[in-house]
Amino acid sequence: MASPLPSFDVLMELAQNNPEQLETLRKTLTDEIIHRTSPHMRQRLEGINFKIDMERQRCKTPLQSCIKIAALMHDSFEQMRTELDALFQPFIIVNKRTMITCPYRDNVIPFNRHL
């Protein structure tokens, strides 16, 4: 069973008065979440967690690390959106002069709605 998340007030008090304990709590809760997932997802989550930890170490302030991690999440979301968009486009632009047919387009069966 997962450890309960302390209230916001408790977390704020830890951040102000005992940041080491807050960091220990963060690591403990993160590890619990990762170890409750399937082995396939666990490896991916451990990789993401490592990347986040390295970014946090490189940053000089908590605000800088927050901004950097938010940018990483935004980049990941943008990549996912681009790949999803490609599934619904008849062509993929490889560069300015080359376009190829989307390989998934021929496998899509249109849904005919009868009203």
PDB file of N, CA and C in Angstrom:
ATOM      1  N   MET A   1       0.844  -1.182   0.000  1.00  0.00           N
ATOM      2  CA  MET A   1       0.000   0.000   0.000  1.00  0.00           C
ATOM      3  C   MET A   1       0.887   1.241   0.000  1.00  0.00           C
ATOM      4  N   ALA A   2       0.429   2.263  -0.702  1.00  0.00           N
ATOM      5  CA  ALA A   2       1.205   3.496  -0.835  1.00  0.00           C
ATOM      6  C   ALA A   2       1.164   4.314   0.449  1.00  0.00           C
ATOM      7  N   SER A   3       2.266   4.992   0.705  1.00  0.00           N
ATOM      8  CA  SER A   3       2.304   5.900   1.853  1.00  0.00           C
ATOM      9  C   SER A   3       1.410   7.098   1.560  1.00  0.00           C
ATOM     10  N   PRO A   4       0.719   7.591   2.569  1.00  0.00           N
ATOM     11  CA  PRO A   4      -0.143   8.753   2.327  1.00  0.00           C
ATOM     12  C   PRO A   4       0.702  10.009   2.116  1.00  0.00           C
ATOM     13  N   LEU A   5       0.211  10.877   1.261  1.00  0.00           N
ATOM     14  CA  LEU A   5       0.880  12.154   1.018  1.00  0.00           C
ATOM     15  C   LEU A   5       0.499  13.113   2.135  1.00  0.00           C
ATOM     16  N   PRO A   6       1.471  13.722   2.790  1.00  0.00           N
ATOM     17  CA  PRO A   6       1.148  14.679   3.851  1.00  0.00           C
ATOM     18  C   PRO A   6       0.374  15.872   3.287  1.00  0.00           C
ATOM     19  N   SER A   7      -0.267  16.587   4.160  1.00  0.00           N
ATOM     20  CA  SER A   7      -1.030  17.766   3.741  1.00  0.00           C
ATOM     21  C   SER A   7      -0.090  18.838   3.209  1.00  0.00           C
ATOM     22  N   PHE A   8      -0.663  19.780   2.491  1.00  0.00           N
ATOM     23  CA  PHE A   8       0.123  20.882   1.936  1.00  0.00           C
ATOM     24  C   PHE A   8       0.852  21.642   3.041  1.00  0.00           C
ATOM     25  N   ASP A   9       0.153  21.882   4.147  1.00  0.00           N
ATOM     26  CA  ASP A   9       0.768  22.632   5.246  1.00  0.00           C
ATOM     27  C   ASP A   9       1.978  21.904   5.817  1.00  0.00           C
ATOM     28  N   VAL A  10       1.887  20.589   5.937  1.00  0.00           N
ATOM     29  CA  VAL A  10       3.013  19.796   6.438  1.00  0.00           C
ATOM     30  C   VAL A  10       4.178  19.863   5.445  1.00  0.00           C
ATOM     31  N   LEU A  11       3.866  19.735   4.151  1.00  0.00           N
ATOM     32  CA  LEU A  11       4.913  19.810   3.134  1.00  0.00           C
ATOM     33  C   LEU A  11       5.577  21.181   3.117  1.00  0.00           C
ATOM     34  N   MET A  12       4.799  22.233   3.278  1.00  0.00           N
ATOM     35  CA  MET A  12       5.350  23.583   3.307  1.00  0.00           C
ATOM     36  C   MET A  12       6.244  23.782   4.533  1.00  0.00           C
ATOM     37  N   GLU A  13       5.808  23.246   5.660  1.00  0.00           N
ATOM     38  CA  GLU A  13       6.608  23.360   6.885  1.00  0.00           C
ATOM     39  C   GLU A  13       7.934  22.618   6.717  1.00  0.00           C
ATOM     40  N   LEU A  14       7.894  21.430   6.091  1.00  0.00           N
ATOM     41  CA  LEU A  14       9.121  20.683   5.832  1.00  0.00           C
ATOM     42  C   LEU A  14      10.048  21.459   4.887  1.00  0.00           C
ATOM     43  N   ALA A  15       9.472  22.046   3.857  1.00  0.00           N
ATOM     44  CA  ALA A  15      10.276  22.807   2.896  1.00  0.00           C
ATOM     45  C   ALA A  15      10.985  23.980   3.564  1.00  0.00           C
ATOM     46  N   GLN A  16      10.327  24.609   4.492  1.00  0.00           N
ATOM     47  CA  GLN A  16      10.905  25.774   5.145  1.00  0.00           C
ATOM     48  C   GLN A  16      11.886  25.401   6.259  1.00  0.00           C
ATOM     49  N   ASN A  17      11.570  24.352   7.007  1.00  0.00           N
ATOM     50  CA  ASN A  17      12.345  24.048   8.207  1.00  0.00           C
ATOM     51  C   ASN A  17      13.220  22.804   8.129  1.00  0.00           C
ATOM     52  N   ASN A  18      12.889  21.890   7.238  1.00  0.00           N
ATOM     53  CA  ASN A  18      13.647  20.644   7.166  1.00  0.00           C
ATOM     54  C   ASN A  18      13.672  20.126   5.722  1.00  0.00           C
ATOM     55  N   PRO A  19      14.388  20.810   4.818  1.00  0.00           N
ATOM     56  CA  PRO A  19      14.394  20.400   3.419  1.00  0.00           C
ATOM     57  C   PRO A  19      14.984  19.008   3.185  1.00  0.00           C
ATOM     58  N   GLU A  20      15.886  18.568   4.054  1.00  0.00           N
ATOM     59  CA  GLU A  20      16.449  17.221   3.907  1.00  0.00           C
ATOM     60  C   GLU A  20      15.373  16.155   4.102  1.00  0.00           C
ATOM     61  N   GLN A  21      14.514  16.353   5.092  1.00  0.00           N
ATOM     62  CA  GLN A  21      13.430  15.403   5.338  1.00  0.00           C
ATOM     63  C   GLN A  21      12.430  15.431   4.183  1.00  0.00           C
ATOM     64  N   LEU A  22      12.169  16.610   3.625  1.00  0.00           N
ATOM     65  CA  LEU A  22      11.275  16.711   2.469  1.00  0.00           C
ATOM     66  C   LEU A  22      11.861  15.965   1.277  1.00  0.00           C
ATOM     67  N   GLU A  23      13.161  16.091   1.070  1.00  0.00           N
ATOM     68  CA  GLU A  23      13.815  15.386  -0.038  1.00  0.00           C
ATOM     69  C   GLU A  23      13.754  13.872   0.178  1.00  0.00           C
ATOM     70  N   THR A  24      13.944  13.426   1.408  1.00  0.00           N
ATOM     71  CA  THR A  24      13.830  11.997   1.718  1.00  0.00           C
ATOM     72  C   THR A  24      12.414  11.502   1.440  1.00  0.00           C
ATOM     73  N   LEU A  25      11.431  12.279   1.837  1.00  0.00           N
ATOM     74  CA  LEU A  25      10.026  11.928   1.574  1.00  0.00           C
ATOM     75  C   LEU A  25       9.764  11.859   0.071  1.00  0.00           C
ATOM     76  N   ARG A  26      10.285  12.830  -0.688  1.00  0.00           N
ATOM     77  CA  ARG A  26      10.093  12.843  -2.139  1.00  0.00           C
ATOM     78  C   ARG A  26      10.682  11.584  -2.775  1.00  0.00           C
ATOM     79  N   LYS A  27      11.898  11.236  -2.372  1.00  0.00           N
ATOM     80  CA  LYS A  27      12.540  10.037  -2.921  1.00  0.00           C
ATOM     81  C   LYS A  27      11.765   8.774  -2.549  1.00  0.00           C
ATOM     82  N   THR A  28      11.314   8.692  -1.304  1.00  0.00           N
ATOM     83  CA  THR A  28      10.566   7.513  -0.846  1.00  0.00           C
ATOM     84  C   THR A  28       9.274   7.344  -1.633  1.00  0.00           C
ATOM     85  N   LEU A  29       8.516   8.418  -1.767  1.00  0.00           N
ATOM     86  CA  LEU A  29       7.243   8.342  -2.493  1.00  0.00           C
ATOM     87  C   LEU A  29       7.455   8.045  -3.973  1.00  0.00           C
ATOM     88  N   THR A  30       8.493   8.642  -4.560  1.00  0.00           N
ATOM     89  CA  THR A  30       8.800   8.374  -5.969  1.00  0.00           C
ATOM     90  C   THR A  30       9.167   6.912  -6.162  1.00  0.00           C
ATOM     91  N   ASP A  31      10.011   6.384  -5.289  1.00  0.00           N
ATOM     92  CA  ASP A  31      10.400   4.971  -5.391  1.00  0.00           C
ATOM     93  C   ASP A  31       9.198   4.044  -5.225  1.00  0.00           C
ATOM     94  N   GLU A  32       8.298   4.376  -4.322  1.00  0.00           N
ATOM     95  CA  GLU A  32       7.090   3.560  -4.138  1.00  0.00           C
ATOM     96  C   GLU A  32       6.264   3.512  -5.414  1.00  0.00           C
ATOM     97  N   ILE A  33       6.078   4.639  -6.039  1.00  0.00           N
ATOM     98  CA  ILE A  33       5.289   4.695  -7.276  1.00  0.00           C
ATOM     99  C   ILE A  33       5.964   3.872  -8.364  1.00  0.00           C
ATOM    100  N   ILE A  34       7.265   4.039  -8.509  1.00  0.00           N
ATOM    101  CA  ILE A  34       7.997   3.318  -9.553  1.00  0.00           C
ATOM    102  C   ILE A  34       7.936   1.815  -9.323  1.00  0.00           C
ATOM    103  N   HIS A  35       8.093   1.374  -8.087  1.00  0.00           N
ATOM    104  CA  HIS A  35       8.131  -0.067  -7.816  1.00  0.00           C
ATOM    105  C   HIS A  35       6.757  -0.731  -7.842  1.00  0.00           C
ATOM    106  N   ARG A  36       5.690   0.055  -7.868  1.00  0.00           N
ATOM    107  CA  ARG A  36       4.344  -0.520  -7.986  1.00  0.00           C
ATOM    108  C   ARG A  36       3.918  -0.731  -9.434  1.00  0.00           C
ATOM    109  N   THR A  37       4.732  -0.288 -10.389  1.00  0.00           N
ATOM    110  CA  THR A  37       4.368  -0.425 -11.797  1.00  0.00           C
ATOM    111  C   THR A  37       4.894  -1.731 -12.365  1.00  0.00           C
ATOM    112  N   SER A  38       4.484  -2.038 -13.578  1.00  0.00           N
ATOM    113  CA  SER A  38       4.954  -3.250 -14.251  1.00  0.00           C
ATOM    114  C   SER A  38       6.451  -3.115 -14.558  1.00  0.00           C
ATOM    115  N   PRO A  39       7.150  -4.240 -14.701  1.00  0.00           N
ATOM    116  CA  PRO A  39       8.595  -4.175 -14.984  1.00  0.00           C
ATOM    117  C   PRO A  39       8.926  -3.364 -16.232  1.00  0.00           C
ATOM    118  N   HIS A  40       8.091  -3.457 -17.262  1.00  0.00           N
ATOM    119  CA  HIS A  40       8.331  -2.712 -18.499  1.00  0.00           C
ATOM    120  C   HIS A  40       8.261  -1.207 -18.244  1.00  0.00           C
ATOM    121  N   MET A  41       7.253  -0.770 -17.536  1.00  0.00           N
ATOM    122  CA  MET A  41       7.107   0.649 -17.237  1.00  0.00           C
ATOM    123  C   MET A  41       8.109   1.098 -16.173  1.00  0.00           C
ATOM    124  N   ARG A  42       8.472   0.204 -15.282  1.00  0.00           N
ATOM    125  CA  ARG A  42       9.406   0.540 -14.207  1.00  0.00           C
ATOM    126  C   ARG A  42      10.738   1.030 -14.781  1.00  0.00           C
ATOM    127  N   GLN A  43      11.235   0.329 -15.792  1.00  0.00           N
ATOM    128  CA  GLN A  43      12.512   0.719 -16.380  1.00  0.00           C
ATOM    129  C   GLN A  43      12.409   2.115 -17.005  1.00  0.00           C
ATOM    130  N   ARG A  44      11.320   2.396 -17.675  1.00  0.00           N
ATOM    131  CA  ARG A  44      11.135   3.715 -18.295  1.00  0.00           C
ATOM    132  C   ARG A  44      11.005   4.801 -17.227  1.00  0.00           C
ATOM    133  N   LEU A  45      10.239   4.523 -16.172  1.00  0.00           N
ATOM    134  CA  LEU A  45      10.073   5.504 -15.105  1.00  0.00           C
ATOM    135  C   LEU A  45      11.382   5.766 -14.359  1.00  0.00           C
ATOM    136  N   GLU A  46      12.177   4.722 -14.162  1.00  0.00           N
ATOM    137  CA  GLU A  46      13.477   4.922 -13.530  1.00  0.00           C
ATOM    138  C   GLU A  46      14.370   5.806 -14.386  1.00  0.00           C
ATOM    139  N   GLY A  47      14.298   5.636 -15.698  1.00  0.00           N
ATOM    140  CA  GLY A  47      15.072   6.491 -16.601  1.00  0.00           C
ATOM    141  C   GLY A  47      14.626   7.939 -16.538  1.00  0.00           C
ATOM    142  N   ILE A  48      13.318   8.155 -16.516  1.00  0.00           N
ATOM    143  CA  ILE A  48      12.789   9.515 -16.413  1.00  0.00           C
ATOM    144  C   ILE A  48      13.171  10.125 -15.074  1.00  0.00           C
ATOM    145  N   ASN A  49      13.064   9.340 -14.009  1.00  0.00           N
ATOM    146  CA  ASN A  49      13.427   9.829 -12.677  1.00  0.00           C
ATOM    147  C   ASN A  49      14.911  10.209 -12.618  1.00  0.00           C
ATOM    148  N   PHE A  50      15.757   9.398 -13.241  1.00  0.00           N
ATOM    149  CA  PHE A  50      17.189   9.707 -13.287  1.00  0.00           C
ATOM    150  C   PHE A  50      17.430  11.025 -14.013  1.00  0.00           C
ATOM    151  N   LYS A  51      16.770  11.198 -15.143  1.00  0.00           N
ATOM    152  CA  LYS A  51      16.931  12.435 -15.921  1.00  0.00           C
ATOM    153  C   LYS A  51      16.497  13.653 -15.105  1.00  0.00           C
ATOM    154  N   ILE A  52      15.381  13.530 -14.402  1.00  0.00           N
ATOM    155  CA  ILE A  52      14.896  14.632 -13.562  1.00  0.00           C
ATOM    156  C   ILE A  52      15.888  14.920 -12.437  1.00  0.00           C
ATOM    157  N   ASP A  53      16.379  13.864 -11.789  1.00  0.00           N
ATOM    158  CA  ASP A  53      17.352  14.062 -10.699  1.00  0.00           C
ATOM    159  C   ASP A  53      18.620  14.754 -11.197  1.00  0.00           C
ATOM    160  N   MET A  54      19.088  14.387 -12.379  1.00  0.00           N
ATOM    161  CA  MET A  54      20.290  15.022 -12.927  1.00  0.00           C
ATOM    162  C   MET A  54      20.038  16.496 -13.246  1.00  0.00           C
ATOM    163  N   GLU A  55      18.870  16.799 -13.777  1.00  0.00           N
ATOM    164  CA  GLU A  55      18.538  18.205 -14.056  1.00  0.00           C
ATOM    165  C   GLU A  55      18.460  18.999 -12.751  1.00  0.00           C
ATOM    166  N   ARG A  56      17.887  18.409 -11.730  1.00  0.00           N
ATOM    167  CA  ARG A  56      17.783  19.088 -10.434  1.00  0.00           C
ATOM    168  C   ARG A  56      19.162  19.379  -9.859  1.00  0.00           C
ATOM    169  N   GLN A  57      20.099  18.440 -10.026  1.00  0.00           N
ATOM    170  CA  GLN A  57      21.455  18.640  -9.511  1.00  0.00           C
ATOM    171  C   GLN A  57      22.193  19.747 -10.263  1.00  0.00           C
ATOM    172  N   ARG A  58      21.929  19.859 -11.557  1.00  0.00           N
ATOM    173  CA  ARG A  58      22.622  20.864 -12.368  1.00  0.00           C
ATOM    174  C   ARG A  58      22.119  22.276 -12.109  1.00  0.00           C
ATOM    175  N   CYS A  59      20.900  22.410 -11.639  1.00  0.00           N
ATOM    176  CA  CYS A  59      20.311  23.737 -11.437  1.00  0.00           C
ATOM    177  C   CYS A  59      20.787  24.336 -10.116  1.00  0.00           C
ATOM    178  N   LYS A  60      20.879  25.655 -10.104  1.00  0.00           N
ATOM    179  CA  LYS A  60      21.383  26.361  -8.916  1.00  0.00           C
ATOM    180  C   LYS A  60      20.285  26.680  -7.917  1.00  0.00           C
ATOM    181  N   THR A  61      19.054  26.814  -8.387  1.00  0.00           N
ATOM    182  CA  THR A  61      17.947  27.166  -7.484  1.00  0.00           C
ATOM    183  C   THR A  61      16.769  26.240  -7.720  1.00  0.00           C
ATOM    184  N   PRO A  62      15.887  26.101  -6.737  1.00  0.00           N
ATOM    185  CA  PRO A  62      14.677  25.297  -6.936  1.00  0.00           C
ATOM    186  C   PRO A  62      13.801  25.825  -8.077  1.00  0.00           C
ATOM    187  N   LEU A  63      13.739  27.144  -8.226  1.00  0.00           N
ATOM    188  CA  LEU A  63      12.940  27.714  -9.313  1.00  0.00           C
ATOM    189  C   LEU A  63      13.520  27.344 -10.670  1.00  0.00           C
ATOM    190  N   GLN A  64      14.827  27.394 -10.791  1.00  0.00           N
ATOM    191  CA  GLN A  64      15.474  27.020 -12.041  1.00  0.00           C
ATOM    192  C   GLN A  64      15.200  25.554 -12.373  1.00  0.00           C
ATOM    193  N   SER A  65      15.261  24.672 -11.376  1.00  0.00           N
ATOM    194  CA  SER A  65      14.987  23.255 -11.636  1.00  0.00           C
ATOM    195  C   SER A  65      13.528  23.042 -12.007  1.00  0.00           C
ATOM    196  N   CYS A  66      12.631  23.785 -11.377  1.00  0.00           N
ATOM    197  CA  CYS A  66      11.206  23.682 -11.719  1.00  0.00           C
ATOM    198  C   CYS A  66      10.970  24.084 -13.170  1.00  0.00           C
ATOM    199  N   ILE A  67      11.585  25.176 -13.590  1.00  0.00           N
ATOM    200  CA  ILE A  67      11.426  25.652 -14.967  1.00  0.00           C
ATOM    201  C   ILE A  67      12.013  24.640 -15.948  1.00  0.00           C
ATOM    202  N   LYS A  68      13.176  24.094 -15.630  1.00  0.00           N
ATOM    203  CA  LYS A  68      13.825  23.129 -16.508  1.00  0.00           C
ATOM    204  C   LYS A  68      13.003  21.845 -16.634  1.00  0.00           C
ATOM    205  N   ILE A  69      12.483  21.347 -15.523  1.00  0.00           N
ATOM    206  CA  ILE A  69      11.682  20.120 -15.553  1.00  0.00           C
ATOM    207  C   ILE A  69      10.366  20.361 -16.293  1.00  0.00           C
ATOM    208  N   ALA A  70       9.774  21.531 -16.108  1.00  0.00           N
ATOM    209  CA  ALA A  70       8.556  21.879 -16.848  1.00  0.00           C
ATOM    210  C   ALA A  70       8.841  21.913 -18.348  1.00  0.00           C
ATOM    211  N   ALA A  71      10.008  22.432 -18.738  1.00  0.00           N
ATOM    212  CA  ALA A  71      10.382  22.464 -20.154  1.00  0.00           C
ATOM    213  C   ALA A  71      10.565  21.053 -20.703  1.00  0.00           C
ATOM    214  N   LEU A  72      11.160  20.158 -19.907  1.00  0.00           N
ATOM    215  CA  LEU A  72      11.303  18.763 -20.329  1.00  0.00           C
ATOM    216  C   LEU A  72       9.942  18.112 -20.558  1.00  0.00           C
ATOM    217  N   MET A  73       9.012  18.365 -19.639  1.00  0.00           N
ATOM    218  CA  MET A  73       7.666  17.805 -19.797  1.00  0.00           C
ATOM    219  C   MET A  73       6.984  18.376 -21.038  1.00  0.00           C
ATOM    220  N   HIS A  74       7.154  19.680 -21.268  1.00  0.00           N
ATOM    221  CA  HIS A  74       6.555  20.314 -22.442  1.00  0.00           C
ATOM    222  C   HIS A  74       7.132  19.724 -23.725  1.00  0.00           C
ATOM    223  N   ASP A  75       8.447  19.516 -23.769  1.00  0.00           N
ATOM    224  CA  ASP A  75       9.082  18.925 -24.946  1.00  0.00           C
ATOM    225  C   ASP A  75       8.568  17.508 -25.196  1.00  0.00           C
ATOM    226  N   SER A  76       8.413  16.737 -24.134  1.00  0.00           N
ATOM    227  CA  SER A  76       7.907  15.375 -24.259  1.00  0.00           C
ATOM    228  C   SER A  76       6.475  15.379 -24.782  1.00  0.00           C
ATOM    229  N   PHE A  77       5.664  16.289 -24.265  1.00  0.00           N
ATOM    230  CA  PHE A  77       4.281  16.400 -24.725  1.00  0.00           C
ATOM    231  C   PHE A  77       4.239  16.811 -26.195  1.00  0.00           C
ATOM    232  N   GLU A  78       5.091  17.738 -26.583  1.00  0.00           N
ATOM    233  CA  GLU A  78       5.137  18.197 -27.978  1.00  0.00           C
ATOM    234  C   GLU A  78       5.528  17.062 -28.913  1.00  0.00           C
ATOM    235  N   GLN A  79       6.475  16.245 -28.495  1.00  0.00           N
ATOM    236  CA  GLN A  79       6.872  15.092 -29.308  1.00  0.00           C
ATOM    237  C   GLN A  79       5.712  14.114 -29.457  1.00  0.00           C
ATOM    238  N   MET A  80       4.997  13.852 -28.366  1.00  0.00           N
ATOM    239  CA  MET A  80       3.850  12.955 -28.422  1.00  0.00           C
ATOM    240  C   MET A  80       2.761  13.524 -29.338  1.00  0.00           C
ATOM    241  N   ARG A  81       2.504  14.835 -29.237  1.00  0.00           N
ATOM    242  CA  ARG A  81       1.483  15.462 -30.070  1.00  0.00           C
ATOM    243  C   ARG A  81       1.864  15.379 -31.544  1.00  0.00           C
ATOM    244  N   THR A  82       3.139  15.587 -31.858  1.00  0.00           N
ATOM    245  CA  THR A  82       3.609  15.507 -33.239  1.00  0.00           C
ATOM    246  C   THR A  82       3.415  14.105 -33.800  1.00  0.00           C
ATOM    247  N   GLU A  83       3.729  13.105 -33.008  1.00  0.00           N
ATOM    248  CA  GLU A  83       3.562  11.722 -33.465  1.00  0.00           C
ATOM    249  C   GLU A  83       2.091  11.366 -33.644  1.00  0.00           C
ATOM    250  N   LEU A  84       1.238  11.850 -32.762  1.00  0.00           N
ATOM    251  CA  LEU A  84      -0.194  11.600 -32.924  1.00  0.00           C
ATOM    252  C   LEU A  84      -0.747  12.320 -34.139  1.00  0.00           C
ATOM    253  N   ASP A  85      -0.312  13.544 -34.360  1.00  0.00           N
ATOM    254  CA  ASP A  85      -0.758  14.288 -35.534  1.00  0.00           C
ATOM    255  C   ASP A  85      -0.371  13.574 -36.821  1.00  0.00           C
ATOM    256  N   ALA A  86       0.807  12.956 -36.833  1.00  0.00           N
ATOM    257  CA  ALA A  86       1.268  12.253 -38.025  1.00  0.00           C
ATOM    258  C   ALA A  86       0.347  11.094 -38.388  1.00  0.00           C
ATOM    259  N   LEU A  87      -0.304  10.514 -37.410  1.00  0.00           N
ATOM    260  CA  LEU A  87      -1.220   9.402 -37.690  1.00  0.00           C
ATOM    261  C   LEU A  87      -2.447   9.847 -38.476  1.00  0.00           C
ATOM    262  N   PHE A  88      -2.797  11.111 -38.372  1.00  0.00           N
ATOM    263  CA  PHE A  88      -4.013  11.599 -39.001  1.00  0.00           C
ATOM    264  C   PHE A  88      -3.741  12.474 -40.220  1.00  0.00           C
ATOM    265  N   GLN A  89      -2.497  12.564 -40.643  1.00  0.00           N
ATOM    266  CA  GLN A  89      -2.146  13.345 -41.814  1.00  0.00           C
ATOM    267  C   GLN A  89      -1.880  12.406 -42.988  1.00  0.00           C
ATOM    268  N   PRO A  90      -2.319  12.778 -44.199  1.00  0.00           N
ATOM    269  CA  PRO A  90      -2.057  11.905 -45.348  1.00  0.00           C
ATOM    270  C   PRO A  90      -0.587  11.885 -45.750  1.00  0.00           C
ATOM    271  N   PHE A  91       0.166  12.921 -45.395  1.00  0.00           N
ATOM    272  CA  PHE A  91       1.569  12.993 -45.760  1.00  0.00           C
ATOM    273  C   PHE A  91       2.397  13.421 -44.554  1.00  0.00           C
ATOM    274  N   ILE A  92       3.619  12.941 -44.545  1.00  0.00           N
ATOM    275  CA  ILE A  92       4.581  13.374 -43.544  1.00  0.00           C
ATOM    276  C   ILE A  92       5.648  14.174 -44.285  1.00  0.00           C
ATOM    277  N   ILE A  93       5.934  15.367 -43.825  1.00  0.00           N
ATOM    278  CA  ILE A  93       6.956  16.187 -44.454  1.00  0.00           C
ATOM    279  C   ILE A  93       8.310  15.790 -43.872  1.00  0.00           C
ATOM    280  N   VAL A  94       9.161  15.243 -44.715  1.00  0.00           N
ATOM    281  CA  VAL A  94      10.481  14.812 -44.284  1.00  0.00           C
ATOM    282  C   VAL A  94      11.417  16.017 -44.248  1.00  0.00           C
ATOM    283  N   ASN A  95      11.388  16.803 -45.286  1.00  0.00           N
ATOM    284  CA  ASN A  95      12.088  18.082 -45.323  1.00  0.00           C
ATOM    285  C   ASN A  95      11.289  18.990 -46.248  1.00  0.00           C
ATOM    286  N   LYS A  96      11.819  20.123 -46.615  1.00  0.00           N
ATOM    287  CA  LYS A  96      11.033  21.078 -47.391  1.00  0.00           C
ATOM    288  C   LYS A  96      10.681  20.580 -48.786  1.00  0.00           C
ATOM    289  N   ARG A  97      11.472  19.663 -49.334  1.00  0.00           N
ATOM    290  CA  ARG A  97      11.237  19.184 -50.695  1.00  0.00           C
ATOM    291  C   ARG A  97      10.620  17.794 -50.766  1.00  0.00           C
ATOM    292  N   THR A  98      10.650  17.042 -49.696  1.00  0.00           N
ATOM    293  CA  THR A  98      10.237  15.642 -49.738  1.00  0.00           C
ATOM    294  C   THR A  98       9.031  15.393 -48.852  1.00  0.00           C
ATOM    295  N   MET A  99       8.036  14.744 -49.410  1.00  0.00           N
ATOM    296  CA  MET A  99       6.867  14.320 -48.636  1.00  0.00           C
ATOM    297  C   MET A  99       6.659  12.839 -48.906  1.00  0.00           C
ATOM    298  N   ILE A 100       6.343  12.079 -47.871  1.00  0.00           N
ATOM    299  CA  ILE A 100       6.049  10.664 -48.051  1.00  0.00           C
ATOM    300  C   ILE A 100       4.651  10.375 -47.529  1.00  0.00           C
ATOM    301  N   THR A 101       4.057   9.334 -48.057  1.00  0.00           N
ATOM    302  CA  THR A 101       2.727   8.950 -47.597  1.00  0.00           C
ATOM    303  C   THR A 101       2.824   8.364 -46.209  1.00  0.00           C
ATOM    304  N   CYS A 102       1.897   8.749 -45.360  1.00  0.00           N
ATOM    305  CA  CYS A 102       1.861   8.216 -44.009  1.00  0.00           C
ATOM    306  C   CYS A 102       1.541   6.729 -44.070  1.00  0.00           C
ATOM    307  N   PRO A 103       2.352   5.866 -43.461  1.00  0.00           N
ATOM    308  CA  PRO A 103       2.119   4.421 -43.564  1.00  0.00           C
ATOM    309  C   PRO A 103       0.832   3.961 -42.889  1.00  0.00           C
ATOM    310  N   TYR A 104       0.310   4.741 -41.960  1.00  0.00           N
ATOM    311  CA  TYR A 104      -0.878   4.312 -41.238  1.00  0.00           C
ATOM    312  C   TYR A 104      -2.162   4.711 -41.946  1.00  0.00           C
ATOM    313  N   ARG A 105      -2.078   5.609 -42.895  1.00  0.00           N
ATOM    314  CA  ARG A 105      -3.272   6.151 -43.541  1.00  0.00           C
ATOM    315  C   ARG A 105      -4.060   5.061 -44.263  1.00  0.00           C
ATOM    316  N   ASP A 106      -3.380   4.108 -44.915  1.00  0.00           N
ATOM    317  CA  ASP A 106      -4.070   3.073 -45.678  1.00  0.00           C
ATOM    318  C   ASP A 106      -4.761   2.047 -44.789  1.00  0.00           C
ATOM    319  N   ASN A 107      -4.400   1.972 -43.532  1.00  0.00           N
ATOM    320  CA  ASN A 107      -4.969   0.984 -42.632  1.00  0.00           C
ATOM    321  C   ASN A 107      -6.165   1.507 -41.846  1.00  0.00           C
ATOM    322  N   VAL A 108      -6.495   2.767 -42.036  1.00  0.00           N
ATOM    323  CA  VAL A 108      -7.576   3.369 -41.269  1.00  0.00           C
ATOM    324  C   VAL A 108      -8.900   3.127 -41.980  1.00  0.00           C
ATOM    325  N   ILE A 109      -9.833   2.569 -41.254  1.00  0.00           N
ATOM    326  CA  ILE A 109     -11.174   2.334 -41.795  1.00  0.00           C
ATOM    327  C   ILE A 109     -12.058   3.479 -41.332  1.00  0.00           C
ATOM    328  N   PRO A 110     -12.666   4.211 -42.266  1.00  0.00           N
ATOM    329  CA  PRO A 110     -13.491   5.346 -41.849  1.00  0.00           C
ATOM    330  C   PRO A 110     -14.727   4.883 -41.091  1.00  0.00           C
ATOM    331  N   PHE A 111     -15.110   5.652 -40.123  1.00  0.00           N
ATOM    332  CA  PHE A 111     -16.294   5.365 -39.325  1.00  0.00           C
ATOM    333  C   PHE A 111     -17.451   6.137 -39.938  1.00  0.00           C
ATOM    334  N   ASN A 112     -18.431   5.416 -40.456  1.00  0.00           N
ATOM    335  CA  ASN A 112     -19.601   6.072 -41.043  1.00  0.00           C
ATOM    336  C   ASN A 112     -20.694   6.170 -40.001  1.00  0.00           C
ATOM    337  N   ARG A 113     -21.062   7.362 -39.699  1.00  0.00           N
ATOM    338  CA  ARG A 113     -22.082   7.589 -38.700  1.00  0.00           C
ATOM    339  C   ARG A 113     -23.443   7.724 -39.393  1.00  0.00           C
ATOM    340  N   HIS A 114     -24.377   6.929 -38.961  1.00  0.00           N
ATOM    341  CA  HIS A 114     -25.745   7.022 -39.492  1.00  0.00           C
ATOM    342  C   HIS A 114     -26.604   7.747 -38.475  1.00  0.00           C
ATOM    343  N   LEU A 115     -27.124   8.887 -38.889  1.00  0.00           N
ATOM    344  CA  LEU A 115     -27.938   9.680 -37.967  1.00  0.00           C
ATOM    345  C   LEU A 115     -29.399   9.433 -38.163  1.00  0.00           C
TER     346      LEU A 115
END
